[in-house]
Amino acid sequence: GIFEPGSLTPVLDVEVSGVGDAFIAEWIRVIRERTGVKRVM
């Protein structure tokens, strides 16, 4: 139920090298496309 209304916006946890701006931008696009949520953290 983490994508349901009333839940916290889904979060991408970035802590390791090799995960950078391009990865994050693509993540935001794909998670919105797959779930319909607009807010991402």
Full PDB file with SEQRES, HELIX, SHEET, SSBOND, CRYST1, ORIGX, SCALE, CONECT and MASTER records, all heavy atoms in Angstrom:
SEQRES   1 A   41  GLY ILE PHE GLU PRO GLY SER LEU THR PRO VAL LEU ASP          
SEQRES   2 A   41  VAL GLU VAL SER GLY VAL GLY ASP ALA PHE ILE ALA GLU          
SEQRES   3 A   41  TRP ILE ARG VAL ILE ARG GLU ARG THR GLY VAL LYS ARG          
SEQRES   4 A   41  VAL MET                                                      
HELIX    1 AA1 ASP A   21  THR A   35  1                                  15    
CRYST1    1.000    1.000    1.000  90.00  90.00  90.00 P 1           1          
ORIGX1      1.000000  0.000000  0.000000        0.00000                         
ORIGX2      0.000000  1.000000  0.000000        0.00000                         
ORIGX3      0.000000  0.000000  1.000000        0.00000                         
SCALE1      1.000000  0.000000  0.000000        0.00000                         
SCALE2      0.000000  1.000000  0.000000        0.00000                         
SCALE3      0.000000  0.000000  1.000000        0.00000                         
ATOM      1  N   GLY A   1       0.778  -1.236   0.000  1.00  0.00           N  
ATOM      2  CA  GLY A   1       0.000   0.000   0.000  1.00  0.00           C  
ATOM      3  C   GLY A   1       0.807   1.282   0.000  1.00  0.00           C  
ATOM      4  O   GLY A   1       0.261   2.352   0.288  1.00  0.00           O  
ATOM      5  N   ILE A   2       2.089   1.211  -0.339  1.00  0.00           N  
ATOM      6  CA  ILE A   2       2.919   2.413  -0.205  1.00  0.00           C  
ATOM      7  C   ILE A   2       2.672   3.461  -1.292  1.00  0.00           C  
ATOM      8  O   ILE A   2       3.156   4.590  -1.169  1.00  0.00           O  
ATOM      9  CB  ILE A   2       4.422   2.080  -0.135  1.00  0.00           C  
ATOM     10  CG1 ILE A   2       4.912   1.476  -1.451  1.00  0.00           C  
ATOM     11  CG2 ILE A   2       4.716   1.173   1.043  1.00  0.00           C  
ATOM     12  CD1 ILE A   2       6.427   1.387  -1.551  1.00  0.00           C  
ATOM     13  N   PHE A   3       1.925   3.103  -2.320  1.00  0.00           N  
ATOM     14  CA  PHE A   3       1.626   4.085  -3.366  1.00  0.00           C  
ATOM     15  C   PHE A   3       0.195   4.621  -3.253  1.00  0.00           C  
ATOM     16  O   PHE A   3      -0.264   5.365  -4.115  1.00  0.00           O  
ATOM     17  CB  PHE A   3       1.863   3.468  -4.752  1.00  0.00           C  
ATOM     18  CG  PHE A   3       3.251   2.908  -4.914  1.00  0.00           C  
ATOM     19  CD1 PHE A   3       3.458   1.538  -5.005  1.00  0.00           C  
ATOM     20  CD2 PHE A   3       4.364   3.747  -4.942  1.00  0.00           C  
ATOM     21  CE1 PHE A   3       4.734   1.022  -5.138  1.00  0.00           C  
ATOM     22  CE2 PHE A   3       5.642   3.235  -5.070  1.00  0.00           C  
ATOM     23  CZ  PHE A   3       5.837   1.865  -5.167  1.00  0.00           C  
ATOM     24  N   GLU A   4      -0.473   4.236  -2.181  1.00  0.00           N  
ATOM     25  CA  GLU A   4      -1.855   4.669  -1.974  1.00  0.00           C  
ATOM     26  C   GLU A   4      -1.897   6.075  -1.374  1.00  0.00           C  
ATOM     27  O   GLU A   4      -0.967   6.509  -0.706  1.00  0.00           O  
ATOM     28  CB  GLU A   4      -2.572   3.696  -1.031  1.00  0.00           C  
ATOM     29  CG  GLU A   4      -2.714   2.289  -1.565  1.00  0.00           C  
ATOM     30  CD  GLU A   4      -3.557   2.223  -2.824  1.00  0.00           C  
ATOM     31  OE1 GLU A   4      -4.593   2.912  -2.879  1.00  0.00           O  
ATOM     32  OE2 GLU A   4      -3.161   1.499  -3.757  1.00  0.00           O  
ATOM     33  N   PRO A   5      -3.010   6.803  -1.602  1.00  0.00           N  
ATOM     34  CA  PRO A   5      -3.161   8.125  -0.975  1.00  0.00           C  
ATOM     35  C   PRO A   5      -3.018   8.036   0.542  1.00  0.00           C  
ATOM     36  O   PRO A   5      -3.511   7.093   1.160  1.00  0.00           O  
ATOM     37  CB  PRO A   5      -4.582   8.527  -1.374  1.00  0.00           C  
ATOM     38  CG  PRO A   5      -4.851   7.785  -2.641  1.00  0.00           C  
ATOM     39  CD  PRO A   5      -4.142   6.474  -2.491  1.00  0.00           C  
ATOM     40  N   GLY A   6      -2.321   8.997   1.124  1.00  0.00           N  
ATOM     41  CA  GLY A   6      -2.097   9.013   2.560  1.00  0.00           C  
ATOM     42  C   GLY A   6      -0.779   8.411   2.986  1.00  0.00           C  
ATOM     43  O   GLY A   6      -0.354   8.587   4.131  1.00  0.00           O  
ATOM     44  N   SER A   7      -0.132   7.684   2.067  1.00  0.00           N  
ATOM     45  CA  SER A   7       1.209   7.179   2.354  1.00  0.00           C  
ATOM     46  C   SER A   7       2.241   8.254   2.029  1.00  0.00           C  
ATOM     47  O   SER A   7       1.982   9.161   1.240  1.00  0.00           O  
ATOM     48  CB  SER A   7       1.505   5.924   1.527  1.00  0.00           C  
ATOM     49  OG  SER A   7       0.754   4.818   1.974  1.00  0.00           O  
ATOM     50  N   LEU A   8       3.420   8.132   2.633  1.00  0.00           N  
ATOM     51  CA  LEU A   8       4.520   9.028   2.295  1.00  0.00           C  
ATOM     52  C   LEU A   8       4.936   8.801   0.845  1.00  0.00           C  
ATOM     53  O   LEU A   8       4.903   7.667   0.354  1.00  0.00           O  
ATOM     54  CB  LEU A   8       5.721   8.775   3.200  1.00  0.00           C  
ATOM     55  CG  LEU A   8       5.866   9.573   4.499  1.00  0.00           C  
ATOM     56  CD1 LEU A   8       6.186  11.024   4.226  1.00  0.00           C  
ATOM     57  CD2 LEU A   8       4.663   9.418   5.373  1.00  0.00           C  
ATOM     58  N   THR A   9       5.331   9.857   0.199  1.00  0.00           N  
ATOM     59  CA  THR A   9       5.808   9.756  -1.167  1.00  0.00           C  
ATOM     60  C   THR A   9       6.965   8.754  -1.268  1.00  0.00           C  
ATOM     61  O   THR A   9       7.787   8.673  -0.351  1.00  0.00           O  
ATOM     62  CB  THR A   9       6.247  11.142  -1.670  1.00  0.00           C  
ATOM     63  OG1 THR A   9       6.730  11.034  -2.990  1.00  0.00           O  
ATOM     64  CG2 THR A   9       7.337  11.713  -0.804  1.00  0.00           C  
ATOM     65  N   PRO A  10       7.040   7.969  -2.336  1.00  0.00           N  
ATOM     66  CA  PRO A  10       8.112   6.978  -2.450  1.00  0.00           C  
ATOM     67  C   PRO A  10       9.486   7.637  -2.500  1.00  0.00           C  
ATOM     68  O   PRO A  10       9.654   8.712  -3.077  1.00  0.00           O  
ATOM     69  CB  PRO A  10       7.790   6.243  -3.753  1.00  0.00           C  
ATOM     70  CG  PRO A  10       6.848   7.125  -4.501  1.00  0.00           C  
ATOM     71  CD  PRO A  10       6.110   7.913  -3.475  1.00  0.00           C  
ATOM     72  N   VAL A  11      10.449   6.965  -1.883  1.00  0.00           N  
ATOM     73  CA  VAL A  11      11.786   7.530  -1.726  1.00  0.00           C  
ATOM     74  C   VAL A  11      12.826   6.672  -2.437  1.00  0.00           C  
ATOM     75  O   VAL A  11      12.798   5.441  -2.360  1.00  0.00           O  
ATOM     76  CB  VAL A  11      12.157   7.623  -0.232  1.00  0.00           C  
ATOM     77  CG1 VAL A  11      13.584   8.157  -0.056  1.00  0.00           C  
ATOM     78  CG2 VAL A  11      11.167   8.500   0.517  1.00  0.00           C  
ATOM     79  N   LEU A  12      13.767   7.347  -3.097  1.00  0.00           N  
ATOM     80  CA  LEU A  12      14.958   6.702  -3.632  1.00  0.00           C  
ATOM     81  C   LEU A  12      16.116   7.038  -2.706  1.00  0.00           C  
ATOM     82  O   LEU A  12      16.441   8.210  -2.490  1.00  0.00           O  
ATOM     83  CB  LEU A  12      15.257   7.206  -5.050  1.00  0.00           C  
ATOM     84  CG  LEU A  12      16.489   6.576  -5.710  1.00  0.00           C  
ATOM     85  CD1 LEU A  12      16.261   5.083  -5.961  1.00  0.00           C  
ATOM     86  CD2 LEU A  12      16.830   7.301  -7.019  1.00  0.00           C  
ATOM     87  N   ASP A  13      16.740   6.016  -2.139  1.00  0.00           N  
ATOM     88  CA  ASP A  13      17.841   6.157  -1.182  1.00  0.00           C  
ATOM     89  C   ASP A  13      19.158   6.055  -1.950  1.00  0.00           C  
ATOM     90  O   ASP A  13      19.510   4.994  -2.468  1.00  0.00           O  
ATOM     91  CB  ASP A  13      17.701   5.041  -0.141  1.00  0.00           C  
ATOM     92  CG  ASP A  13      18.766   5.074   0.929  1.00  0.00           C  
ATOM     93  OD1 ASP A  13      19.728   5.861   0.812  1.00  0.00           O  
ATOM     94  OD2 ASP A  13      18.643   4.303   1.895  1.00  0.00           O  
ATOM     95  N   VAL A  14      19.876   7.173  -2.025  1.00  0.00           N  
ATOM     96  CA  VAL A  14      21.117   7.239  -2.797  1.00  0.00           C  
ATOM     97  C   VAL A  14      22.298   7.327  -1.838  1.00  0.00           C  
ATOM     98  O   VAL A  14      22.479   8.340  -1.153  1.00  0.00           O  
ATOM     99  CB  VAL A  14      21.107   8.455  -3.752  1.00  0.00           C  
ATOM    100  CG1 VAL A  14      22.423   8.550  -4.521  1.00  0.00           C  
ATOM    101  CG2 VAL A  14      19.924   8.369  -4.713  1.00  0.00           C  
ATOM    102  N   GLU A  15      23.092   6.254  -1.785  1.00  0.00           N  
ATOM    103  CA  GLU A  15      24.203   6.205  -0.838  1.00  0.00           C  
ATOM    104  C   GLU A  15      25.488   5.648  -1.427  1.00  0.00           C  
ATOM    105  O   GLU A  15      26.534   5.709  -0.766  1.00  0.00           O  
ATOM    106  CB  GLU A  15      23.828   5.355   0.387  1.00  0.00           C  
ATOM    107  CG  GLU A  15      22.661   5.873   1.193  1.00  0.00           C  
ATOM    108  CD  GLU A  15      22.462   5.107   2.492  1.00  0.00           C  
ATOM    109  OE1 GLU A  15      23.467   4.744   3.135  1.00  0.00           O  
ATOM    110  OE2 GLU A  15      21.294   4.865   2.861  1.00  0.00           O  
ATOM    111  N   VAL A  16      25.435   5.083  -2.642  1.00  0.00           N  
ATOM    112  CA  VAL A  16      26.625   4.418  -3.181  1.00  0.00           C  
ATOM    113  C   VAL A  16      27.054   5.056  -4.493  1.00  0.00           C  
ATOM    114  O   VAL A  16      26.228   5.584  -5.257  1.00  0.00           O  
ATOM    115  CB  VAL A  16      26.374   2.903  -3.388  1.00  0.00           C  
ATOM    116  CG1 VAL A  16      26.087   2.217  -2.067  1.00  0.00           C  
ATOM    117  CG2 VAL A  16      25.242   2.657  -4.372  1.00  0.00           C  
ATOM    118  N   SER A  17      28.353   5.009  -4.750  1.00  0.00           N  
ATOM    119  CA  SER A  17      28.863   5.553  -6.004  1.00  0.00           C  
ATOM    120  C   SER A  17      28.315   4.751  -7.171  1.00  0.00           C  
ATOM    121  O   SER A  17      28.024   3.562  -7.042  1.00  0.00           O  
ATOM    122  CB  SER A  17      30.391   5.529  -6.008  1.00  0.00           C  
ATOM    123  OG  SER A  17      30.870   4.213  -5.847  1.00  0.00           O  
ATOM    124  N   GLY A  18      28.164   5.413  -8.286  1.00  0.00           N  
ATOM    125  CA  GLY A  18      27.576   4.771  -9.454  1.00  0.00           C  
ATOM    126  C   GLY A  18      26.100   5.047  -9.597  1.00  0.00           C  
ATOM    127  O   GLY A  18      25.491   4.680 -10.604  1.00  0.00           O  
ATOM    128  N   VAL A  19      25.513   5.695  -8.588  1.00  0.00           N  
ATOM    129  CA  VAL A  19      24.120   6.152  -8.669  1.00  0.00           C  
ATOM    130  C   VAL A  19      24.168   7.675  -8.667  1.00  0.00           C  
ATOM    131  O   VAL A  19      24.479   8.288  -7.637  1.00  0.00           O  
ATOM    132  CB  VAL A  19      23.275   5.641  -7.489  1.00  0.00           C  
ATOM    133  CG1 VAL A  19      21.852   6.182  -7.581  1.00  0.00           C  
ATOM    134  CG2 VAL A  19      23.269   4.119  -7.453  1.00  0.00           C  
ATOM    135  N   GLY A  20      23.891   8.263  -9.828  1.00  0.00           N  
ATOM    136  CA  GLY A  20      24.035   9.706  -9.955  1.00  0.00           C  
ATOM    137  C   GLY A  20      22.814  10.369 -10.564  1.00  0.00           C  
ATOM    138  O   GLY A  20      21.702   9.834 -10.522  1.00  0.00           O  
ATOM    139  N   ASP A  21      23.043  11.533 -11.149  1.00  0.00           N  
ATOM    140  CA  ASP A  21      21.933  12.348 -11.647  1.00  0.00           C  
ATOM    141  C   ASP A  21      21.114  11.649 -12.726  1.00  0.00           C  
ATOM    142  O   ASP A  21      19.885  11.729 -12.718  1.00  0.00           O  
ATOM    143  CB  ASP A  21      22.474  13.674 -12.188  1.00  0.00           C  
ATOM    144  CG  ASP A  21      23.095  14.537 -11.103  1.00  0.00           C  
ATOM    145  OD1 ASP A  21      22.408  14.809 -10.097  1.00  0.00           O  
ATOM    146  OD2 ASP A  21      24.263  14.937 -11.254  1.00  0.00           O  
ATOM    147  N   ALA A  22      21.787  10.985 -13.659  1.00  0.00           N  
ATOM    148  CA  ALA A  22      21.053  10.321 -14.740  1.00  0.00           C  
ATOM    149  C   ALA A  22      20.166   9.206 -14.195  1.00  0.00           C  
ATOM    150  O   ALA A  22      19.017   9.035 -14.623  1.00  0.00           O  
ATOM    151  CB  ALA A  22      22.027   9.772 -15.775  1.00  0.00           C  
ATOM    152  N   PHE A  23      20.699   8.437 -13.251  1.00  0.00           N  
ATOM    153  CA  PHE A  23      19.928   7.370 -12.622  1.00  0.00           C  
ATOM    154  C   PHE A  23      18.693   7.958 -11.948  1.00  0.00           C  
ATOM    155  O   PHE A  23      17.568   7.456 -12.110  1.00  0.00           O  
ATOM    156  CB  PHE A  23      20.804   6.650 -11.594  1.00  0.00           C  
ATOM    157  CG  PHE A  23      20.171   5.451 -10.935  1.00  0.00           C  
ATOM    158  CD1 PHE A  23      20.582   4.171 -11.256  1.00  0.00           C  
ATOM    159  CD2 PHE A  23      19.165   5.592  -9.965  1.00  0.00           C  
ATOM    160  CE1 PHE A  23      20.011   3.056 -10.636  1.00  0.00           C  
ATOM    161  CE2 PHE A  23      18.594   4.495  -9.350  1.00  0.00           C  
ATOM    162  CZ  PHE A  23      19.018   3.225  -9.687  1.00  0.00           C  
ATOM    163  N   ILE A  24      18.893   9.026 -11.176  1.00  0.00           N  
ATOM    164  CA  ILE A  24      17.788   9.622 -10.423  1.00  0.00           C  
ATOM    165  C   ILE A  24      16.714  10.172 -11.364  1.00  0.00           C  
ATOM    166  O   ILE A  24      15.514   9.953 -11.143  1.00  0.00           O  
ATOM    167  CB  ILE A  24      18.308  10.723  -9.484  1.00  0.00           C  
ATOM    168  CG1 ILE A  24      19.222  10.115  -8.412  1.00  0.00           C  
ATOM    169  CG2 ILE A  24      17.147  11.462  -8.827  1.00  0.00           C  
ATOM    170  CD1 ILE A  24      19.997  11.147  -7.612  1.00  0.00           C  
ATOM    171  N   ALA A  25      17.130  10.874 -12.398  1.00  0.00           N  
ATOM    172  CA  ALA A  25      16.164  11.437 -13.345  1.00  0.00           C  
ATOM    173  C   ALA A  25      15.326  10.343 -13.987  1.00  0.00           C  
ATOM    174  O   ALA A  25      14.103  10.485 -14.152  1.00  0.00           O  
ATOM    175  CB  ALA A  25      16.894  12.257 -14.410  1.00  0.00           C  
ATOM    176  N   GLU A  26      15.975   9.252 -14.350  1.00  0.00           N  
ATOM    177  CA  GLU A  26      15.253   8.133 -14.964  1.00  0.00           C  
ATOM    178  C   GLU A  26      14.323   7.470 -13.944  1.00  0.00           C  
ATOM    179  O   GLU A  26      13.185   7.092 -14.263  1.00  0.00           O  
ATOM    180  CB  GLU A  26      16.259   7.120 -15.515  1.00  0.00           C  
ATOM    181  CG  GLU A  26      15.633   5.896 -16.172  1.00  0.00           C  
ATOM    182  CD  GLU A  26      15.013   6.182 -17.534  1.00  0.00           C  
ATOM    183  OE1 GLU A  26      14.947   7.341 -17.955  1.00  0.00           O  
ATOM    184  OE2 GLU A  26      14.591   5.204 -18.180  1.00  0.00           O  
ATOM    185  N   TRP A  27      14.797   7.329 -12.714  1.00  0.00           N  
ATOM    186  CA  TRP A  27      13.970   6.750 -11.653  1.00  0.00           C  
ATOM    187  C   TRP A  27      12.682   7.555 -11.483  1.00  0.00           C  
ATOM    188  O   TRP A  27      11.588   6.989 -11.401  1.00  0.00           O  
ATOM    189  CB  TRP A  27      14.747   6.706 -10.342  1.00  0.00           C  
ATOM    190  CG  TRP A  27      13.910   6.376  -9.146  1.00  0.00           C  
ATOM    191  CD1 TRP A  27      13.170   7.229  -8.403  1.00  0.00           C  
ATOM    192  CD2 TRP A  27      13.687   5.075  -8.589  1.00  0.00           C  
ATOM    193  NE1 TRP A  27      12.517   6.554  -7.399  1.00  0.00           N  
ATOM    194  CE2 TRP A  27      12.815   5.240  -7.494  1.00  0.00           C  
ATOM    195  CE3 TRP A  27      14.155   3.808  -8.898  1.00  0.00           C  
ATOM    196  CZ2 TRP A  27      12.405   4.157  -6.720  1.00  0.00           C  
ATOM    197  CZ3 TRP A  27      13.745   2.740  -8.126  1.00  0.00           C  
ATOM    198  CH2 TRP A  27      12.876   2.915  -7.050  1.00  0.00           C  
ATOM    199  N   ILE A  28      12.809   8.857 -11.398  1.00  0.00           N  
ATOM    200  CA  ILE A  28      11.644   9.725 -11.203  1.00  0.00           C  
ATOM    201  C   ILE A  28      10.648   9.531 -12.345  1.00  0.00           C  
ATOM    202  O   ILE A  28       9.441   9.396 -12.120  1.00  0.00           O  
ATOM    203  CB  ILE A  28      12.085  11.195 -11.081  1.00  0.00           C  
ATOM    204  CG1 ILE A  28      12.868  11.406  -9.782  1.00  0.00           C  
ATOM    205  CG2 ILE A  28      10.878  12.131 -11.134  1.00  0.00           C  
ATOM    206  CD1 ILE A  28      13.598  12.735  -9.712  1.00  0.00           C  
ATOM    207  N   ARG A  29      11.158   9.507 -13.560  1.00  0.00           N  
ATOM    208  CA  ARG A  29      10.275   9.339 -14.718  1.00  0.00           C  
ATOM    209  C   ARG A  29       9.561   7.997 -14.689  1.00  0.00           C  
ATOM    210  O   ARG A  29       8.333   7.917 -14.870  1.00  0.00           O  
ATOM    211  CB  ARG A  29      11.090   9.465 -16.017  1.00  0.00           C  
ATOM    212  CG  ARG A  29      10.239   9.400 -17.283  1.00  0.00           C  
ATOM    213  CD  ARG A  29      11.102   9.344 -18.528  1.00  0.00           C  
ATOM    214  NE  ARG A  29      11.826   8.091 -18.664  1.00  0.00           N  
ATOM    215  CZ  ARG A  29      11.279   6.955 -19.106  1.00  0.00           C  
ATOM    216  NH1 ARG A  29       9.981   6.924 -19.448  1.00  0.00           N  
ATOM    217  NH2 ARG A  29      12.003   5.866 -19.225  1.00  0.00           N  
ATOM    218  N   VAL A  30      10.306   6.930 -14.423  1.00  0.00           N  
ATOM    219  CA  VAL A  30       9.736   5.582 -14.502  1.00  0.00           C  
ATOM    220  C   VAL A  30       8.789   5.310 -13.332  1.00  0.00           C  
ATOM    221  O   VAL A  30       7.719   4.715 -13.513  1.00  0.00           O  
ATOM    222  CB  VAL A  30      10.858   4.523 -14.580  1.00  0.00           C  
ATOM    223  CG1 VAL A  30      10.265   3.117 -14.587  1.00  0.00           C  
ATOM    224  CG2 VAL A  30      11.704   4.748 -15.819  1.00  0.00           C  
ATOM    225  N   ILE A  31       9.142   5.738 -12.112  1.00  0.00           N  
ATOM    226  CA  ILE A  31       8.265   5.476 -10.961  1.00  0.00           C  
ATOM    227  C   ILE A  31       6.933   6.199 -11.138  1.00  0.00           C  
ATOM    228  O   ILE A  31       5.873   5.674 -10.802  1.00  0.00           O  
ATOM    229  CB  ILE A  31       8.951   5.853  -9.622  1.00  0.00           C  
ATOM    230  CG1 ILE A  31       8.217   5.209  -8.434  1.00  0.00           C  
ATOM    231  CG2 ILE A  31       9.022   7.349  -9.406  1.00  0.00           C  
ATOM    232  CD1 ILE A  31       8.562   3.819  -8.155  1.00  0.00           C  
ATOM    233  N   ARG A  32       6.963   7.401 -11.692  1.00  0.00           N  
ATOM    234  CA  ARG A  32       5.718   8.125 -11.955  1.00  0.00           C  
ATOM    235  C   ARG A  32       4.891   7.408 -13.016  1.00  0.00           C  
ATOM    236  O   ARG A  32       3.672   7.287 -12.890  1.00  0.00           O  
ATOM    237  CB  ARG A  32       6.035   9.553 -12.402  1.00  0.00           C  
ATOM    238  CG  ARG A  32       6.469  10.475 -11.270  1.00  0.00           C  
ATOM    239  CD  ARG A  32       6.955  11.804 -11.788  1.00  0.00           C  
ATOM    240  NE  ARG A  32       7.019  12.809 -10.713  1.00  0.00           N  
ATOM    241  CZ  ARG A  32       7.590  13.986 -10.839  1.00  0.00           C  
ATOM    242  NH1 ARG A  32       8.170  14.324 -11.988  1.00  0.00           N  
ATOM    243  NH2 ARG A  32       7.594  14.844  -9.826  1.00  0.00           N  
ATOM    244  N   GLU A  33       5.561   6.933 -14.026  1.00  0.00           N  
ATOM    245  CA  GLU A  33       4.869   6.232 -15.111  1.00  0.00           C  
ATOM    246  C   GLU A  33       4.225   4.940 -14.615  1.00  0.00           C  
ATOM    247  O   GLU A  33       3.083   4.613 -14.966  1.00  0.00           O  
ATOM    248  CB  GLU A  33       5.884   5.934 -16.215  1.00  0.00           C  
ATOM    249  CG  GLU A  33       5.345   5.236 -17.428  1.00  0.00           C  
ATOM    250  CD  GLU A  33       6.468   4.971 -18.420  1.00  0.00           C  
ATOM    251  OE1 GLU A  33       6.775   5.865 -19.225  1.00  0.00           O  
ATOM    252  OE2 GLU A  33       7.061   3.867 -18.364  1.00  0.00           O  
ATOM    253  N   ARG A  34       4.936   4.206 -13.772  1.00  0.00           N  
ATOM    254  CA  ARG A  34       4.464   2.898 -13.312  1.00  0.00           C  
ATOM    255  C   ARG A  34       3.372   2.997 -12.246  1.00  0.00           C  
ATOM    256  O   ARG A  34       2.514   2.112 -12.167  1.00  0.00           O  
ATOM    257  CB  ARG A  34       5.641   2.093 -12.747  1.00  0.00           C  
ATOM    258  CG  ARG A  34       6.667   1.692 -13.774  1.00  0.00           C  
ATOM    259  CD  ARG A  34       6.204   0.523 -14.631  1.00  0.00           C  
ATOM    260  NE  ARG A  34       7.197   0.156 -15.602  1.00  0.00           N  
ATOM    261  CZ  ARG A  34       8.182  -0.715 -15.380  1.00  0.00           C  
ATOM    262  NH1 ARG A  34       8.298  -1.305 -14.206  1.00  0.00           N  
ATOM    263  NH2 ARG A  34       9.039  -0.998 -16.333  1.00  0.00           N  
ATOM    264  N   THR A  35       3.429   4.029 -11.410  1.00  0.00           N  
ATOM    265  CA  THR A  35       2.537   4.079 -10.251  1.00  0.00           C  
ATOM    266  C   THR A  35       1.479   5.172 -10.323  1.00  0.00           C  
ATOM    267  O   THR A  35       0.476   5.113  -9.599  1.00  0.00           O  
ATOM    268  CB  THR A  35       3.340   4.305  -8.952  1.00  0.00           C  
ATOM    269  OG1 THR A  35       3.955   5.606  -9.009  1.00  0.00           O  
ATOM    270  CG2 THR A  35       4.411   3.239  -8.783  1.00  0.00           C  
ATOM    271  N   GLY A  36       1.715   6.190 -11.143  1.00  0.00           N  
ATOM    272  CA  GLY A  36       0.793   7.319 -11.185  1.00  0.00           C  
ATOM    273  C   GLY A  36       1.018   8.333 -10.083  1.00  0.00           C  
ATOM    274  O   GLY A  36       0.340   9.367 -10.044  1.00  0.00           O  
ATOM    275  N   VAL A  37       1.958   8.071  -9.152  1.00  0.00           N  
ATOM    276  CA  VAL A  37       2.248   9.064  -8.117  1.00  0.00           C  
ATOM    277  C   VAL A  37       3.036  10.208  -8.749  1.00  0.00           C  
ATOM    278  O   VAL A  37       3.812  10.008  -9.672  1.00  0.00           O  
ATOM    279  CB  VAL A  37       3.029   8.470  -6.928  1.00  0.00           C  
ATOM    280  CG1 VAL A  37       2.261   7.354  -6.268  1.00  0.00           C  
ATOM    281  CG2 VAL A  37       4.412   8.010  -7.342  1.00  0.00           C  
ATOM    282  N   LYS A  38       2.793  11.411  -8.270  1.00  0.00           N  
ATOM    283  CA  LYS A  38       3.490  12.580  -8.811  1.00  0.00           C  
ATOM    284  C   LYS A  38       4.623  13.030  -7.908  1.00  0.00           C  
ATOM    285  O   LYS A  38       5.590  13.625  -8.361  1.00  0.00           O  
ATOM    286  CB  LYS A  38       2.497  13.735  -8.998  1.00  0.00           C  
ATOM    287  CG  LYS A  38       1.366  13.411  -9.968  1.00  0.00           C  
ATOM    288  CD  LYS A  38       1.889  12.971 -11.325  1.00  0.00           C  
ATOM    289  CE  LYS A  38       0.761  12.634 -12.278  1.00  0.00           C  
ATOM    290  NZ  LYS A  38       1.250  11.928 -13.480  1.00  0.00           N  
ATOM    291  N   ARG A  39       4.476  12.788  -6.608  1.00  0.00           N  
ATOM    292  CA  ARG A  39       5.492  13.235  -5.665  1.00  0.00           C  
ATOM    293  C   ARG A  39       6.514  12.129  -5.430  1.00  0.00           C  
ATOM    294  O   ARG A  39       6.150  10.977  -5.214  1.00  0.00           O  
ATOM    295  CB  ARG A  39       4.844  13.650  -4.341  1.00  0.00           C  
ATOM    296  CG  ARG A  39       3.931  14.856  -4.496  1.00  0.00           C  
ATOM    297  CD  ARG A  39       3.225  15.202  -3.205  1.00  0.00           C  
ATOM    298  NE  ARG A  39       2.440  16.437  -3.345  1.00  0.00           N  
ATOM    299  CZ  ARG A  39       1.711  16.981  -2.391  1.00  0.00           C  
ATOM    300  NH1 ARG A  39       1.658  16.409  -1.203  1.00  0.00           N  
ATOM    301  NH2 ARG A  39       1.043  18.090  -2.603  1.00  0.00           N  
ATOM    302  N   VAL A  40       7.766  12.513  -5.471  1.00  0.00           N  
ATOM    303  CA  VAL A  40       8.875  11.576  -5.299  1.00  0.00           C  
ATOM    304  C   VAL A  40       9.921  12.255  -4.425  1.00  0.00           C  
ATOM    305  O   VAL A  40      10.113  13.475  -4.513  1.00  0.00           O  
ATOM    306  CB  VAL A  40       9.498  11.190  -6.667  1.00  0.00           C  
ATOM    307  CG1 VAL A  40      10.606  10.171  -6.488  1.00  0.00           C  
ATOM    308  CG2 VAL A  40       8.436  10.663  -7.619  1.00  0.00           C  
ATOM    309  N   MET A  41      10.590  11.486  -3.584  1.00  0.00           N  
ATOM    310  CA  MET A  41      11.632  12.051  -2.722  1.00  0.00           C  
ATOM    311  C   MET A  41      12.951  11.310  -2.950  1.00  0.00           C  
ATOM    312  O   MET A  41      12.960  10.107  -3.217  1.00  0.00           O  
ATOM    313  CB  MET A  41      11.207  11.975  -1.255  1.00  0.00           C  
ATOM    314  CG  MET A  41      12.099  12.737  -0.316  1.00  0.00           C  
ATOM    315  SD  MET A  41      11.252  13.324   1.199  1.00  0.00           S  
ATOM    316  CE  MET A  41      10.397  11.852   1.758  1.00  0.00           C  
TER     317      MET A  41                                                      
MASTER        0    0    0    1    0    0    0    6  316    1    0    4          
END                                                                             
